[in-house]
Protein backbone atom coordinates (compact mmCIF):
# COMPACT_ATOMS: atom_id res chain seq x y z
CA UNK A 1 9.56 48.44 -14.86
CA UNK A 2 7.29 47.01 -12.42
CA UNK A 3 6.19 43.52 -12.82
CA UNK A 4 3.73 41.86 -10.02
CA UNK A 5 4.03 37.66 -9.65
CA UNK A 6 0.66 36.33 -8.51
CA UNK A 7 0.25 32.52 -6.65
CA UNK A 8 1.42 30.35 -4.41
CA UNK A 9 4.04 31.02 -1.88
CA UNK A 10 5.95 27.78 -0.39
CA UNK A 11 7.47 27.89 3.28
CA UNK A 12 10.22 24.93 4.12
CA UNK A 13 11.02 24.34 7.38
CA UNK A 14 14.16 22.13 7.26
CA UNK A 15 16.18 20.67 10.04
CA UNK A 16 20.30 19.71 10.43
CA UNK A 17 22.06 19.14 13.27
CA UNK A 18 18.98 20.50 15.50
CA UNK A 19 18.77 23.79 13.86
CA UNK A 20 16.10 24.96 12.12
CA UNK A 21 15.80 27.38 8.82
CA UNK A 22 12.68 28.79 7.15
CA UNK A 23 13.47 28.68 3.11
CA UNK A 24 10.79 30.53 1.07
CA UNK A 25 10.27 29.61 -2.30
CA UNK A 26 8.06 28.83 -5.29
CA UNK A 27 7.65 30.34 -8.99
CA UNK A 28 6.27 34.02 -7.92
CA UNK A 29 9.10 34.16 -5.23
CA UNK A 30 12.07 32.61 -7.95
CA UNK A 31 10.78 35.23 -10.43
CA UNK A 32 10.51 38.10 -8.04
CA UNK A 33 13.70 37.62 -7.57
CA UNK A 34 14.85 36.90 -11.40
CA UNK A 35 12.82 40.03 -12.15
CA UNK A 36 14.77 42.15 -9.22
CA UNK A 37 18.42 40.99 -10.25
CA UNK A 38 17.28 42.02 -14.09
CA UNK A 39 16.50 45.64 -12.84
CA UNK A 40 12.73 45.44 -12.71
CA UNK A 41 10.82 46.39 -9.36
CA UNK A 42 8.82 42.98 -7.99
CA UNK A 43 5.80 42.93 -5.91
CA UNK A 44 4.47 39.51 -4.66
CA UNK A 45 0.98 38.96 -4.08
CA UNK A 46 -0.12 35.44 -1.80
CA UNK A 47 -2.32 34.28 0.63
CA UNK A 48 -1.10 32.65 3.75
CA UNK A 49 -2.27 31.88 6.86
CA UNK A 50 -0.91 34.29 9.79
CA UNK A 51 1.12 31.97 11.69
CA UNK A 52 3.12 31.06 8.87
CA UNK A 53 4.30 35.62 8.16
CA UNK A 54 7.54 36.45 10.69
CA UNK A 55 6.87 39.33 12.62
CA UNK A 56 8.99 41.21 10.72
CA UNK A 57 7.53 40.54 7.31
CA UNK A 58 8.67 38.72 4.25
């Protein structure tokens, strides 16, 4: 089964003790993770600025 999620992705940068950690979230991300854990192929479609996409992709 294939499920496509369309919506916004949240990009949080948390700084703790001088260390920056980038976390991705939002309804489409959590929905896609849940779908994959249930055995579906999940695809996320979103729009973002180039500056928020890491060189390795998401």
